[in-house]
């Protein structure tokens, strides 16, 4: 858990300081994956299945966030509106 926490801190630095937007997007994805792993390890240590929902929720939000960031990097907007 300590190594994952250090990894999250280093990825936070990359997400803030990253030289390009794709670097920031990859760092945010990696942060989400590390959070999922951390929640899984905590669930194993506590001998509970209550955190499985948290892991799934983080995964779903991570997927939606990745799609939104990729669309923003590609087109510059997330939601396209027709102003006719």
C-alpha atoms as a PDB file:
ATOM      1  CA  UNK A   1       0.000   0.000   0.000  1.00  0.00           C
ATOM      2  CA  UNK A   2       2.918   2.316   0.681  1.00  0.00           C
ATOM      3  CA  UNK A   3       4.315   1.843  -2.825  1.00  0.00           C
ATOM      4  CA  UNK A   4       0.923   2.539  -4.392  1.00  0.00           C
ATOM      5  CA  UNK A   5       0.569   5.684  -2.287  1.00  0.00           C
ATOM      6  CA  UNK A   6       3.987   6.921  -3.411  1.00  0.00           C
ATOM      7  CA  UNK A   7       3.010   6.149  -7.001  1.00  0.00           C
ATOM      8  CA  UNK A   8      -0.184   8.208  -6.646  1.00  0.00           C
ATOM      9  CA  UNK A   9       1.798  11.162  -5.291  1.00  0.00           C
ATOM     10  CA  UNK A  10       4.239  11.006  -8.206  1.00  0.00           C
ATOM     11  CA  UNK A  11       1.355  10.722 -10.669  1.00  0.00           C
ATOM     12  CA  UNK A  12      -0.332  13.754  -9.101  1.00  0.00           C
ATOM     13  CA  UNK A  13       2.827  15.712  -9.834  1.00  0.00           C
ATOM     14  CA  UNK A  14       2.748  14.495 -13.453  1.00  0.00           C
ATOM     15  CA  UNK A  15      -0.939  15.366 -13.786  1.00  0.00           C
ATOM     16  CA  UNK A  16      -0.326  18.920 -12.603  1.00  0.00           C
ATOM     17  CA  UNK A  17       3.071  19.584 -14.194  1.00  0.00           C
ATOM     18  CA  UNK A  18       2.777  17.355 -17.299  1.00  0.00           C
ATOM     19  CA  UNK A  19       4.243  18.946 -20.404  1.00  0.00           C
ATOM     20  CA  UNK A  20       1.287  18.048 -22.646  1.00  0.00           C
ATOM     21  CA  UNK A  21      -2.392  17.280 -22.241  1.00  0.00           C
ATOM     22  CA  UNK A  22      -2.024  13.605 -23.276  1.00  0.00           C
ATOM     23  CA  UNK A  23       0.587  13.176 -20.517  1.00  0.00           C
ATOM     24  CA  UNK A  24      -1.908  14.577 -18.032  1.00  0.00           C
ATOM     25  CA  UNK A  25      -4.624  12.234 -19.315  1.00  0.00           C
ATOM     26  CA  UNK A  26      -2.378   9.186 -18.925  1.00  0.00           C
ATOM     27  CA  UNK A  27      -1.423  10.298 -15.421  1.00  0.00           C
ATOM     28  CA  UNK A  28      -5.097  10.647 -14.445  1.00  0.00           C
ATOM     29  CA  UNK A  29      -5.823   7.169 -15.804  1.00  0.00           C
ATOM     30  CA  UNK A  30      -2.927   5.727 -13.851  1.00  0.00           C
ATOM     31  CA  UNK A  31      -4.117   7.504 -10.692  1.00  0.00           C
ATOM     32  CA  UNK A  32      -7.520   5.867 -11.114  1.00  0.00           C
ATOM     33  CA  UNK A  33      -5.989   2.443 -11.592  1.00  0.00           C
ATOM     34  CA  UNK A  34      -3.836   2.926  -8.497  1.00  0.00           C
ATOM     35  CA  UNK A  35      -6.906   3.999  -6.499  1.00  0.00           C
ATOM     36  CA  UNK A  36      -8.686   0.833  -7.608  1.00  0.00           C
ATOM     37  CA  UNK A  37      -5.696  -1.249  -6.517  1.00  0.00           C
ATOM     38  CA  UNK A  38      -5.504   0.581  -3.191  1.00  0.00           C
ATOM     39  CA  UNK A  39      -9.209   0.000  -2.501  1.00  0.00           C
ATOM     40  CA  UNK A  40      -8.769  -3.676  -3.398  1.00  0.00           C
ATOM     41  CA  UNK A  41      -5.814  -4.067  -1.071  1.00  0.00           C
ATOM     42  CA  UNK A  42      -7.689  -2.355   1.754  1.00  0.00           C
ATOM     43  CA  UNK A  43     -10.623  -4.735   1.173  1.00  0.00           C
ATOM     44  CA  UNK A  44      -8.259  -7.706   1.372  1.00  0.00           C
ATOM     45  CA  UNK A  45      -6.670  -6.406   4.579  1.00  0.00           C
ATOM     46  CA  UNK A  46     -10.055  -5.763   6.200  1.00  0.00           C
ATOM     47  CA  UNK A  47     -11.432  -9.135   5.033  1.00  0.00           C
ATOM     48  CA  UNK A  48     -14.566  -7.534   3.615  1.00  0.00           C
ATOM     49  CA  UNK A  49     -16.394  -7.424   0.312  1.00  0.00           C
ATOM     50  CA  UNK A  50     -17.970  -4.027   0.971  1.00  0.00           C
ATOM     51  CA  UNK A  51     -15.281  -2.200  -1.014  1.00  0.00           C
ATOM     52  CA  UNK A  52     -15.919  -4.171  -4.204  1.00  0.00           C
ATOM     53  CA  UNK A  53     -18.623  -1.672  -5.126  1.00  0.00           C
ATOM     54  CA  UNK A  54     -16.138   1.150  -4.629  1.00  0.00           C
ATOM     55  CA  UNK A  55     -13.665  -0.512  -6.989  1.00  0.00           C
ATOM     56  CA  UNK A  56     -16.370  -0.916  -9.637  1.00  0.00           C
ATOM     57  CA  UNK A  57     -17.529   2.683  -9.210  1.00  0.00           C
ATOM     58  CA  UNK A  58     -13.983   3.991  -9.601  1.00  0.00           C
ATOM     59  CA  UNK A  59     -13.599   1.888 -12.755  1.00  0.00           C
ATOM     60  CA  UNK A  60     -16.819   3.213 -14.293  1.00  0.00           C
ATOM     61  CA  UNK A  61     -15.978   6.834 -13.478  1.00  0.00           C
ATOM     62  CA  UNK A  62     -12.455   6.320 -14.783  1.00  0.00           C
ATOM     63  CA  UNK A  63     -13.810   5.027 -18.097  1.00  0.00           C
ATOM     64  CA  UNK A  64     -16.216   7.957 -18.492  1.00  0.00           C
ATOM     65  CA  UNK A  65     -13.467  10.416 -17.571  1.00  0.00           C
ATOM     66  CA  UNK A  66     -11.066   8.875 -20.079  1.00  0.00           C
ATOM     67  CA  UNK A  67     -13.632   9.196 -22.856  1.00  0.00           C
ATOM     68  CA  UNK A  68     -14.319  12.833 -21.917  1.00  0.00           C
ATOM     69  CA  UNK A  69     -10.627  13.748 -21.783  1.00  0.00           C
ATOM     70  CA  UNK A  70      -9.909  12.017 -25.100  1.00  0.00           C
ATOM     71  CA  UNK A  71     -12.796  13.853 -26.760  1.00  0.00           C
ATOM     72  CA  UNK A  72     -11.637  17.160 -25.303  1.00  0.00           C
ATOM     73  CA  UNK A  73      -8.060  16.621 -26.507  1.00  0.00           C
ATOM     74  CA  UNK A  74      -9.263  15.640 -29.976  1.00  0.00           C
ATOM     75  CA  UNK A  75     -11.967  18.265 -30.613  1.00  0.00           C
ATOM     76  CA  UNK A  76     -11.581  20.909 -27.918  1.00  0.00           C
ATOM     77  CA  UNK A  77     -15.147  20.443 -26.609  1.00  0.00           C
ATOM     78  CA  UNK A  78     -16.807  17.663 -24.687  1.00  0.00           C
ATOM     79  CA  UNK A  79     -20.467  18.281 -25.544  1.00  0.00           C
ATOM     80  CA  UNK A  80     -21.186  19.425 -29.071  1.00  0.00           C
ATOM     81  CA  UNK A  81     -24.141  21.744 -29.537  1.00  0.00           C
ATOM     82  CA  UNK A  82     -25.813  22.783 -32.761  1.00  0.00           C
ATOM     83  CA  UNK A  83     -26.658  26.470 -32.537  1.00  0.00           C
ATOM     84  CA  UNK A  84     -28.947  26.692 -35.564  1.00  0.00           C
END
